[in-house]
């Protein structure tokens, strides 16, 4: 069973992923219109990507540590 920390990280990661996808859609929409995305759109995408990357690594680290502890407890 997942720890509270892992569960919390999963929720945060999913929210960050959703935000990032929204930014990707905004960039795609601008491209399809032949428009250059504004600084706000670009800034939002950069922040969303950074948050997603940070949370992804935190989640992977927590999952790795949890699996390591489970394996250690089984031996």
PDB file of N, CA and C in Angstrom:
ATOM      1  N   UNK A   1       0.844  -1.185   0.000  1.00  0.00           N
ATOM      2  CA  UNK A   1       0.000   0.000   0.000  1.00  0.00           C
ATOM      3  C   UNK A   1       0.890   1.249   0.000  1.00  0.00           C
ATOM      4  N   UNK A   2       0.470   2.228  -0.728  1.00  0.00           N
ATOM      5  CA  UNK A   2       1.250   3.451  -0.857  1.00  0.00           C
ATOM      6  C   UNK A   2       1.225   4.250   0.442  1.00  0.00           C
ATOM      7  N   UNK A   3       2.309   4.910   0.713  1.00  0.00           N
ATOM      8  CA  UNK A   3       2.382   5.766   1.885  1.00  0.00           C
ATOM      9  C   UNK A   3       1.615   7.053   1.618  1.00  0.00           C
ATOM     10  N   UNK A   4       1.316   7.785   2.692  1.00  0.00           N
ATOM     11  CA  UNK A   4       0.630   9.075   2.537  1.00  0.00           C
ATOM     12  C   UNK A   4       1.465  10.027   1.688  1.00  0.00           C
ATOM     13  N   UNK A   5       2.785   9.981   1.876  1.00  0.00           N
ATOM     14  CA  UNK A   5       3.675  10.847   1.094  1.00  0.00           C
ATOM     15  C   UNK A   5       3.572  10.526  -0.401  1.00  0.00           C
ATOM     16  N   UNK A   6       3.597   9.257  -0.733  1.00  0.00           N
ATOM     17  CA  UNK A   6       3.514   8.864  -2.144  1.00  0.00           C
ATOM     18  C   UNK A   6       2.151   9.233  -2.706  1.00  0.00           C
ATOM     19  N   UNK A   7       1.107   9.007  -1.950  1.00  0.00           N
ATOM     20  CA  UNK A   7      -0.238   9.355  -2.394  1.00  0.00           C
ATOM     21  C   UNK A   7      -0.339  10.864  -2.665  1.00  0.00           C
ATOM     22  N   UNK A   8       0.226  11.667  -1.749  1.00  0.00           N
ATOM     23  CA  UNK A   8       0.212  13.122  -1.914  1.00  0.00           C
ATOM     24  C   UNK A   8       1.014  13.533  -3.152  1.00  0.00           C
ATOM     25  N   UNK A   9       2.173  12.918  -3.334  1.00  0.00           N
ATOM     26  CA  UNK A   9       2.991  13.232  -4.511  1.00  0.00           C
ATOM     27  C   UNK A   9       2.281  12.844  -5.803  1.00  0.00           C
ATOM     28  N   UNK A  10       1.574  11.725  -5.794  1.00  0.00           N
ATOM     29  CA  UNK A  10       0.826  11.314  -6.991  1.00  0.00           C
ATOM     30  C   UNK A  10      -0.233  12.347  -7.359  1.00  0.00           C
ATOM     31  N   UNK A  11      -0.952  12.845  -6.343  1.00  0.00           N
ATOM     32  CA  UNK A  11      -1.983  13.861  -6.606  1.00  0.00           C
ATOM     33  C   UNK A  11      -1.361  15.154  -7.143  1.00  0.00           C
ATOM     34  N   UNK A  12      -0.265  15.564  -6.524  1.00  0.00           N
ATOM     35  CA  UNK A  12       0.410  16.786  -6.987  1.00  0.00           C
ATOM     36  C   UNK A  12       0.962  16.607  -8.397  1.00  0.00           C
ATOM     37  N   UNK A  13       1.522  15.429  -8.670  1.00  0.00           N
ATOM     38  CA  UNK A  13       2.068  15.154 -10.006  1.00  0.00           C
ATOM     39  C   UNK A  13       0.950  15.190 -11.049  1.00  0.00           C
ATOM     40  N   UNK A  14      -0.178  14.582 -10.730  1.00  0.00           N
ATOM     41  CA  UNK A  14      -1.297  14.574 -11.673  1.00  0.00           C
ATOM     42  C   UNK A  14      -1.792  16.001 -11.936  1.00  0.00           C
ATOM     43  N   UNK A  15      -1.883  16.814 -10.893  1.00  0.00           N
ATOM     44  CA  UNK A  15      -2.310  18.207 -11.067  1.00  0.00           C
ATOM     45  C   UNK A  15      -1.301  18.978 -11.919  1.00  0.00           C
ATOM     46  N   UNK A  16      -0.009  18.771 -11.660  1.00  0.00           N
ATOM     47  CA  UNK A  16       1.024  19.453 -12.439  1.00  0.00           C
ATOM     48  C   UNK A  16       0.999  19.004 -13.899  1.00  0.00           C
ATOM     49  N   UNK A  17       0.745  17.729 -14.117  1.00  0.00           N
ATOM     50  CA  UNK A  17       0.660  17.193 -15.475  1.00  0.00           C
ATOM     51  C   UNK A  17      -0.517  17.812 -16.223  1.00  0.00           C
ATOM     52  N   UNK A  18      -1.641  17.931 -15.536  1.00  0.00           N
ATOM     53  CA  UNK A  18      -2.829  18.543 -16.143  1.00  0.00           C
ATOM     54  C   UNK A  18      -2.556  20.002 -16.503  1.00  0.00           C
ATOM     55  N   UNK A  19      -1.896  20.720 -15.606  1.00  0.00           N
ATOM     56  CA  UNK A  19      -1.547  22.119 -15.872  1.00  0.00           C
ATOM     57  C   UNK A  19      -0.601  22.218 -17.065  1.00  0.00           C
ATOM     58  N   UNK A  20       0.384  21.332 -17.106  1.00  0.00           N
ATOM     59  CA  UNK A  20       1.331  21.340 -18.210  1.00  0.00           C
ATOM     60  C   UNK A  20       0.628  21.052 -19.544  1.00  0.00           C
ATOM     61  N   UNK A  21      -0.264  20.079 -19.555  1.00  0.00           N
ATOM     62  CA  UNK A  21      -0.999  19.775 -20.789  1.00  0.00           C
ATOM     63  C   UNK A  21      -1.825  20.963 -21.257  1.00  0.00           C
ATOM     64  N   UNK A  22      -2.376  21.709 -20.320  1.00  0.00           N
ATOM     65  CA  UNK A  22      -3.123  22.913 -20.678  1.00  0.00           C
ATOM     66  C   UNK A  22      -2.211  23.939 -21.361  1.00  0.00           C
ATOM     67  N   UNK A  23      -0.995  24.066 -20.849  1.00  0.00           N
ATOM     68  CA  UNK A  23      -0.027  24.976 -21.465  1.00  0.00           C
ATOM     69  C   UNK A  23       0.361  24.503 -22.868  1.00  0.00           C
ATOM     70  N   UNK A  24       0.565  23.211 -23.020  1.00  0.00           N
ATOM     71  CA  UNK A  24       0.892  22.647 -24.323  1.00  0.00           C
ATOM     72  C   UNK A  24      -0.238  22.943 -25.309  1.00  0.00           C
ATOM     73  N   UNK A  25      -1.469  22.810 -24.850  1.00  0.00           N
ATOM     74  CA  UNK A  25      -2.621  23.090 -25.708  1.00  0.00           C
ATOM     75  C   UNK A  25      -2.642  24.565 -26.116  1.00  0.00           C
ATOM     76  N   UNK A  26      -2.311  25.456 -25.184  1.00  0.00           N
ATOM     77  CA  UNK A  26      -2.259  26.890 -25.503  1.00  0.00           C
ATOM     78  C   UNK A  26      -1.206  27.183 -26.559  1.00  0.00           C
ATOM     79  N   UNK A  27      -0.039  26.544 -26.427  1.00  0.00           N
ATOM     80  CA  UNK A  27       1.009  26.726 -27.437  1.00  0.00           C
ATOM     81  C   UNK A  27       0.572  26.170 -28.791  1.00  0.00           C
ATOM     82  N   UNK A  28      -0.072  25.024 -28.769  1.00  0.00           N
ATOM     83  CA  UNK A  28      -0.557  24.407 -29.999  1.00  0.00           C
ATOM     84  C   UNK A  28      -1.617  25.276 -30.669  1.00  0.00           C
ATOM     85  N   UNK A  29      -2.526  25.804 -29.866  1.00  0.00           N
ATOM     86  CA  UNK A  29      -3.575  26.675 -30.409  1.00  0.00           C
ATOM     87  C   UNK A  29      -2.975  27.904 -31.086  1.00  0.00           C
ATOM     88  N   UNK A  30      -1.987  28.512 -30.450  1.00  0.00           N
ATOM     89  CA  UNK A  30      -1.339  29.692 -31.037  1.00  0.00           C
ATOM     90  C   UNK A  30      -0.664  29.317 -32.350  1.00  0.00           C
ATOM     91  N   UNK A  31      -0.001  28.187 -32.365  1.00  0.00           N
ATOM     92  CA  UNK A  31       0.681  27.732 -33.570  1.00  0.00           C
ATOM     93  C   UNK A  31      -0.305  27.493 -34.709  1.00  0.00           C
ATOM     94  N   UNK A  32      -1.426  26.873 -34.386  1.00  0.00           N
ATOM     95  CA  UNK A  32      -2.429  26.601 -35.421  1.00  0.00           C
ATOM     96  C   UNK A  32      -3.030  27.883 -35.983  1.00  0.00           C
ATOM     97  N   UNK A  33      -3.080  28.925 -35.159  1.00  0.00           N
ATOM     98  CA  UNK A  33      -3.590  30.223 -35.638  1.00  0.00           C
ATOM     99  C   UNK A  33      -2.517  31.006 -36.391  1.00  0.00           C
ATOM    100  N   UNK A  34      -1.296  30.494 -36.360  1.00  0.00           N
ATOM    101  CA  UNK A  34      -0.192  31.204 -36.994  1.00  0.00           C
ATOM    102  C   UNK A  34       0.277  32.375 -36.152  1.00  0.00           C
ATOM    103  N   UNK A  35      -0.039  32.339 -34.855  1.00  0.00           N
ATOM    104  CA  UNK A  35       0.328  33.433 -33.947  1.00  0.00           C
ATOM    105  C   UNK A  35       1.510  33.010 -33.084  1.00  0.00           C
ATOM    106  N   UNK A  36       2.251  33.996 -32.645  1.00  0.00           N
ATOM    107  CA  UNK A  36       3.335  33.742 -31.716  1.00  0.00           C
ATOM    108  C   UNK A  36       2.760  33.786 -30.306  1.00  0.00           C
ATOM    109  N   UNK A  37       3.036  32.779 -29.474  1.00  0.00           N
ATOM    110  CA  UNK A  37       2.485  32.809 -28.114  1.00  0.00           C
ATOM    111  C   UNK A  37       3.061  33.983 -27.324  1.00  0.00           C
ATOM    112  N   UNK A  38       2.224  34.598 -26.533  1.00  0.00           N
ATOM    113  CA  UNK A  38       2.648  35.743 -25.744  1.00  0.00           C
ATOM    114  C   UNK A  38       3.547  35.348 -24.584  1.00  0.00           C
ATOM    115  N   UNK A  39       4.176  36.341 -23.968  1.00  0.00           N
ATOM    116  CA  UNK A  39       5.090  36.060 -22.861  1.00  0.00           C
ATOM    117  C   UNK A  39       4.402  35.361 -21.684  1.00  0.00           C
ATOM    118  N   UNK A  40       3.139  35.646 -21.462  1.00  0.00           N
ATOM    119  CA  UNK A  40       2.417  34.996 -20.363  1.00  0.00           C
ATOM    120  C   UNK A  40       2.268  33.494 -20.629  1.00  0.00           C
ATOM    121  N   UNK A  41       1.932  33.150 -21.872  1.00  0.00           N
ATOM    122  CA  UNK A  41       1.784  31.739 -22.243  1.00  0.00           C
ATOM    123  C   UNK A  41       3.121  31.017 -22.114  1.00  0.00           C
ATOM    124  N   UNK A  42       4.187  31.639 -22.587  1.00  0.00           N
ATOM    125  CA  UNK A  42       5.514  31.037 -22.503  1.00  0.00           C
ATOM    126  C   UNK A  42       5.978  30.900 -21.047  1.00  0.00           C
ATOM    127  N   UNK A  43       5.714  31.912 -20.253  1.00  0.00           N
ATOM    128  CA  UNK A  43       6.078  31.856 -18.837  1.00  0.00           C
ATOM    129  C   UNK A  43       5.310  30.777 -18.104  1.00  0.00           C
ATOM    130  N   UNK A  44       4.017  30.677 -18.408  1.00  0.00           N
ATOM    131  CA  UNK A  44       3.198  29.637 -17.785  1.00  0.00           C
ATOM    132  C   UNK A  44       3.707  28.245 -18.145  1.00  0.00           C
ATOM    133  N   UNK A  45       4.078  28.060 -19.405  1.00  0.00           N
ATOM    134  CA  UNK A  45       4.581  26.763 -19.840  1.00  0.00           C
ATOM    135  C   UNK A  45       5.889  26.435 -19.133  1.00  0.00           C
ATOM    136  N   UNK A  46       6.765  27.396 -19.016  1.00  0.00           N
ATOM    137  CA  UNK A  46       8.047  27.158 -18.352  1.00  0.00           C
ATOM    138  C   UNK A  46       7.844  26.777 -16.882  1.00  0.00           C
ATOM    139  N   UNK A  47       6.987  27.521 -16.184  1.00  0.00           N
ATOM    140  CA  UNK A  47       6.716  27.213 -14.779  1.00  0.00           C
ATOM    141  C   UNK A  47       6.056  25.839 -14.636  1.00  0.00           C
ATOM    142  N   UNK A  48       5.099  25.551 -15.506  1.00  0.00           N
ATOM    143  CA  UNK A  48       4.394  24.268 -15.443  1.00  0.00           C
ATOM    144  C   UNK A  48       5.356  23.111 -15.703  1.00  0.00           C
ATOM    145  N   UNK A  49       6.241  23.275 -16.683  1.00  0.00           N
ATOM    146  CA  UNK A  49       7.210  22.228 -16.984  1.00  0.00           C
ATOM    147  C   UNK A  49       8.173  22.013 -15.819  1.00  0.00           C
ATOM    148  N   UNK A  50       8.652  23.101 -15.230  1.00  0.00           N
ATOM    149  CA  UNK A  50       9.568  22.988 -14.096  1.00  0.00           C
ATOM    150  C   UNK A  50       8.895  22.293 -12.916  1.00  0.00           C
ATOM    151  N   UNK A  51       7.653  22.660 -12.627  1.00  0.00           N
ATOM    152  CA  UNK A  51       6.910  22.033 -11.531  1.00  0.00           C
ATOM    153  C   UNK A  51       6.689  20.544 -11.818  1.00  0.00           C
ATOM    154  N   UNK A  52       6.312  20.232 -13.046  1.00  0.00           N
ATOM    155  CA  UNK A  52       6.107  18.843 -13.436  1.00  0.00           C
ATOM    156  C   UNK A  52       7.404  18.045 -13.291  1.00  0.00           C
ATOM    157  N   UNK A  53       8.499  18.584 -13.751  1.00  0.00           N
ATOM    158  CA  UNK A  53       9.795  17.901 -13.657  1.00  0.00           C
ATOM    159  C   UNK A  53      10.195  17.672 -12.206  1.00  0.00           C
ATOM    160  N   UNK A  54      10.016  18.691 -11.375  1.00  0.00           N
ATOM    161  CA  UNK A  54      10.359  18.566  -9.961  1.00  0.00           C
ATOM    162  C   UNK A  54       9.518  17.486  -9.290  1.00  0.00           C
ATOM    163  N   UNK A  55       8.203  17.533  -9.511  1.00  0.00           N
ATOM    164  CA  UNK A  55       7.322  16.558  -8.877  1.00  0.00           C
ATOM    165  C   UNK A  55       7.533  15.150  -9.415  1.00  0.00           C
ATOM    166  N   UNK A  56       7.841  15.040 -10.686  1.00  0.00           N
ATOM    167  CA  UNK A  56       8.133  13.721 -11.264  1.00  0.00           C
ATOM    168  C   UNK A  56       9.328  13.096 -10.559  1.00  0.00           C
ATOM    169  N   UNK A  57      10.394  13.877 -10.394  1.00  0.00           N
ATOM    170  CA  UNK A  57      11.583  13.349  -9.741  1.00  0.00           C
ATOM    171  C   UNK A  57      11.302  13.017  -8.274  1.00  0.00           C
ATOM    172  N   UNK A  58      10.543  13.865  -7.594  1.00  0.00           N
ATOM    173  CA  UNK A  58      10.204  13.601  -6.192  1.00  0.00           C
ATOM    174  C   UNK A  58       9.382  12.321  -6.062  1.00  0.00           C
ATOM    175  N   UNK A  59       8.438  12.121  -6.972  1.00  0.00           N
ATOM    176  CA  UNK A  59       7.615  10.913  -6.945  1.00  0.00           C
ATOM    177  C   UNK A  59       8.463   9.674  -7.244  1.00  0.00           C
ATOM    178  N   UNK A  60       9.302   9.755  -8.245  1.00  0.00           N
ATOM    179  CA  UNK A  60      10.170   8.614  -8.565  1.00  0.00           C
ATOM    180  C   UNK A  60      11.104   8.282  -7.401  1.00  0.00           C
ATOM    181  N   UNK A  61      11.652   9.309  -6.765  1.00  0.00           N
ATOM    182  CA  UNK A  61      12.523   9.074  -5.614  1.00  0.00           C
ATOM    183  C   UNK A  61      11.765   8.394  -4.481  1.00  0.00           C
ATOM    184  N   UNK A  62      10.554   8.865  -4.208  1.00  0.00           N
ATOM    185  CA  UNK A  62       9.747   8.279  -3.135  1.00  0.00           C
ATOM    186  C   UNK A  62       9.362   6.839  -3.461  1.00  0.00           C
ATOM    187  N   UNK A  63       9.009   6.582  -4.716  1.00  0.00           N
ATOM    188  CA  UNK A  63       8.664   5.216  -5.119  1.00  0.00           C
ATOM    189  C   UNK A  63       9.870   4.288  -5.012  1.00  0.00           C
ATOM    190  N   UNK A  64      11.017   4.784  -5.425  1.00  0.00           N
ATOM    191  CA  UNK A  64      12.241   3.984  -5.334  1.00  0.00           C
ATOM    192  C   UNK A  64      12.554   3.662  -3.874  1.00  0.00           C
ATOM    193  N   UNK A  65      12.484   4.678  -3.031  1.00  0.00           N
ATOM    194  CA  UNK A  65      12.785   4.475  -1.617  1.00  0.00           C
ATOM    195  C   UNK A  65      11.793   3.507  -0.978  1.00  0.00           C
ATOM    196  N   UNK A  66      10.530   3.649  -1.306  1.00  0.00           N
ATOM    197  CA  UNK A  66       9.509   2.747  -0.763  1.00  0.00           C
ATOM    198  C   UNK A  66       9.775   1.305  -1.219  1.00  0.00           C
ATOM    199  N   UNK A  67      10.071   1.115  -2.481  1.00  0.00           N
ATOM    200  CA  UNK A  67      10.320  -0.245  -2.975  1.00  0.00           C
ATOM    201  C   UNK A  67      11.586  -0.827  -2.353  1.00  0.00           C
ATOM    202  N   UNK A  68      12.569   0.010  -2.116  1.00  0.00           N
ATOM    203  CA  UNK A  68      13.801  -0.437  -1.470  1.00  0.00           C
ATOM    204  C   UNK A  68      13.512  -0.884  -0.036  1.00  0.00           C
ATOM    205  N   UNK A  69      12.679  -0.129   0.680  1.00  0.00           N
ATOM    206  CA  UNK A  69      12.337  -0.486   2.055  1.00  0.00           C
ATOM    207  C   UNK A  69      11.507  -1.775   2.100  1.00  0.00           C
ATOM    208  N   UNK A  70      10.604  -1.929   1.151  1.00  0.00           N
ATOM    209  CA  UNK A  70       9.788  -3.152   1.098  1.00  0.00           C
ATOM    210  C   UNK A  70      10.684  -4.355   0.825  1.00  0.00           C
ATOM    211  N   UNK A  71      11.588  -4.230  -0.125  1.00  0.00           N
ATOM    212  CA  UNK A  71      12.494  -5.330  -0.451  1.00  0.00           C
ATOM    213  C   UNK A  71      13.382  -5.673   0.740  1.00  0.00           C
ATOM    214  N   UNK A  72      13.841  -4.658   1.445  1.00  0.00           N
ATOM    215  CA  UNK A  72      14.694  -4.877   2.619  1.00  0.00           C
ATOM    216  C   UNK A  72      13.903  -5.596   3.713  1.00  0.00           C
ATOM    217  N   UNK A  73      12.646  -5.234   3.895  1.00  0.00           N
ATOM    218  CA  UNK A  73      11.805  -5.855   4.930  1.00  0.00           C
ATOM    219  C   UNK A  73      11.482  -7.296   4.596  1.00  0.00           C
ATOM    220  N   UNK A  74      11.488  -7.644   3.329  1.00  0.00           N
ATOM    221  CA  UNK A  74      11.160  -9.015   2.909  1.00  0.00           C
ATOM    222  C   UNK A  74      12.330  -9.962   3.087  1.00  0.00           C
ATOM    223  N   UNK A  75      13.511  -9.433   3.283  1.00  0.00           N
ATOM    224  CA  UNK A  75      14.694 -10.303   3.430  1.00  0.00           C
ATOM    225  C   UNK A  75      15.053 -10.504   4.862  1.00  0.00           C
TER     226      UNK A  75
END
